[in-house]
Amino acid sequence: MNKQKLGTVSVDSGTLMIVDPCYVLRRDVKFDGKKEYQKVIDAEEESVCAWSHLGELALGFGGFGGDGVFPVYGYYDDKGILVKVEIVF
């Protein structure tokens, strides 16, 4: 596999989410940032490391040491298809 740096991810809440962007801000629903952020905080308190958010549409996780800027790497197969993503905390 070929490893390439994709970029970095900044963390200010001590948590990250993996989600399809189309599920984050729906145009037909009013977004209340404080209310939605509180859902993330509440979910984190109920779990040691990972939790489901937005049903099963997103995966949130914490427990990796807190805030910072972390490198993200992609691993590509021989055909150039992205097969793995790694965040180094």
Protein backbone atom coordinates (compact mmCIF):
# COMPACT_ATOMS: atom_id res chain seq x y z
CA MET A 1 0.00 0.00 0.00
CA ASN A 2 1.02 3.57 -0.70
CA LYS A 3 0.75 5.96 2.31
CA GLN A 4 0.12 9.66 1.65
CA LYS A 5 -0.60 12.54 3.99
CA LEU A 6 -4.12 13.82 3.28
CA GLY A 7 -3.94 16.80 5.62
CA THR A 8 -4.70 17.57 9.25
CA VAL A 9 -7.75 17.69 11.47
CA SER A 10 -8.16 20.26 14.25
CA VAL A 11 -9.85 19.26 17.50
CA ASP A 12 -11.16 21.79 20.04
CA SER A 13 -13.76 19.64 21.86
CA GLY A 14 -11.64 16.57 22.59
CA THR A 15 -13.89 14.61 20.21
CA LEU A 16 -14.17 13.80 16.52
CA MET A 17 -16.95 12.53 14.28
CA ILE A 18 -16.93 10.47 11.10
CA VAL A 19 -19.98 11.37 9.05
CA ASP A 20 -21.16 11.83 5.48
CA PRO A 21 -21.37 15.65 5.08
CA CYS A 22 -24.91 15.45 3.70
CA TYR A 23 -26.14 14.44 7.19
CA VAL A 24 -24.55 17.30 9.10
CA LEU A 25 -26.57 20.33 8.00
CA ARG A 26 -29.89 19.51 6.42
CA ARG A 27 -31.43 22.48 4.65
CA ASP A 28 -34.99 21.73 5.79
CA VAL A 29 -34.15 21.67 9.54
CA LYS A 30 -33.22 24.70 11.62
CA PHE A 31 -29.81 24.07 13.15
CA ASP A 32 -29.31 24.98 16.81
CA GLY A 33 -25.56 24.71 17.33
CA LYS A 34 -25.68 24.82 21.13
CA LYS A 35 -28.36 22.13 21.32
CA GLU A 36 -26.59 19.86 18.82
CA TYR A 37 -23.21 20.31 20.53
CA GLN A 38 -24.81 19.39 23.86
CA LYS A 39 -25.92 16.09 22.28
CA VAL A 40 -22.27 15.36 21.49
CA ILE A 41 -21.18 16.18 25.04
CA ASP A 42 -23.98 14.05 26.54
CA ALA A 43 -23.15 11.11 24.27
CA GLU A 44 -19.50 11.28 25.25
CA GLU A 45 -20.36 11.06 28.95
CA GLU A 46 -22.34 7.86 28.36
CA SER A 47 -19.46 6.04 26.66
CA VAL A 48 -15.79 5.45 27.27
CA CYS A 49 -14.52 6.00 23.73
CA ALA A 50 -17.09 5.81 20.92
CA TRP A 51 -20.77 6.39 20.34
CA SER A 52 -23.30 6.46 17.56
CA HIS A 53 -24.74 9.87 16.69
CA LEU A 54 -27.57 10.82 14.35
CA GLY A 55 -28.81 7.24 14.62
CA GLU A 56 -26.21 5.16 12.87
CA LEU A 57 -25.31 7.90 10.40
CA ALA A 58 -22.25 9.14 12.31
CA LEU A 59 -19.62 7.79 14.64
CA GLY A 60 -18.22 10.01 17.37
CA PHE A 61 -15.22 9.24 19.52
CA GLY A 62 -12.98 10.73 22.17
CA GLY A 63 -10.49 9.45 24.68
CA PHE A 64 -7.47 10.15 22.50
CA GLY A 65 -5.86 12.81 24.65
CA GLY A 66 -7.76 15.99 23.93
CA ASP A 67 -7.37 18.99 21.69
CA GLY A 68 -4.79 19.61 19.02
CA VAL A 69 -4.00 19.38 15.32
CA PHE A 70 -3.54 15.80 14.14
CA PRO A 71 -2.14 14.46 10.85
CA VAL A 72 -4.39 12.34 8.64
CA TYR A 73 -2.96 9.72 6.27
CA GLY A 74 -4.53 7.80 3.44
CA TYR A 75 -3.47 4.36 2.28
CA TYR A 76 -3.97 3.50 -1.39
CA ASP A 77 -3.93 0.10 -3.05
CA ASP A 78 -2.07 -0.69 -6.28
CA LYS A 79 -5.00 0.66 -8.33
CA GLY A 80 -4.93 4.02 -6.53
CA ILE A 81 -8.10 3.36 -4.53
CA LEU A 82 -8.22 4.75 -1.00
CA VAL A 83 -8.59 1.73 1.29
CA LYS A 84 -7.72 3.10 4.74
CA VAL A 85 -7.63 6.42 6.59
CA GLU A 86 -5.50 6.92 9.69
CA ILE A 87 -5.58 9.80 12.19
CA VAL A 88 -2.43 9.94 14.32
CA PHE A 89 -3.16 11.30 17.80
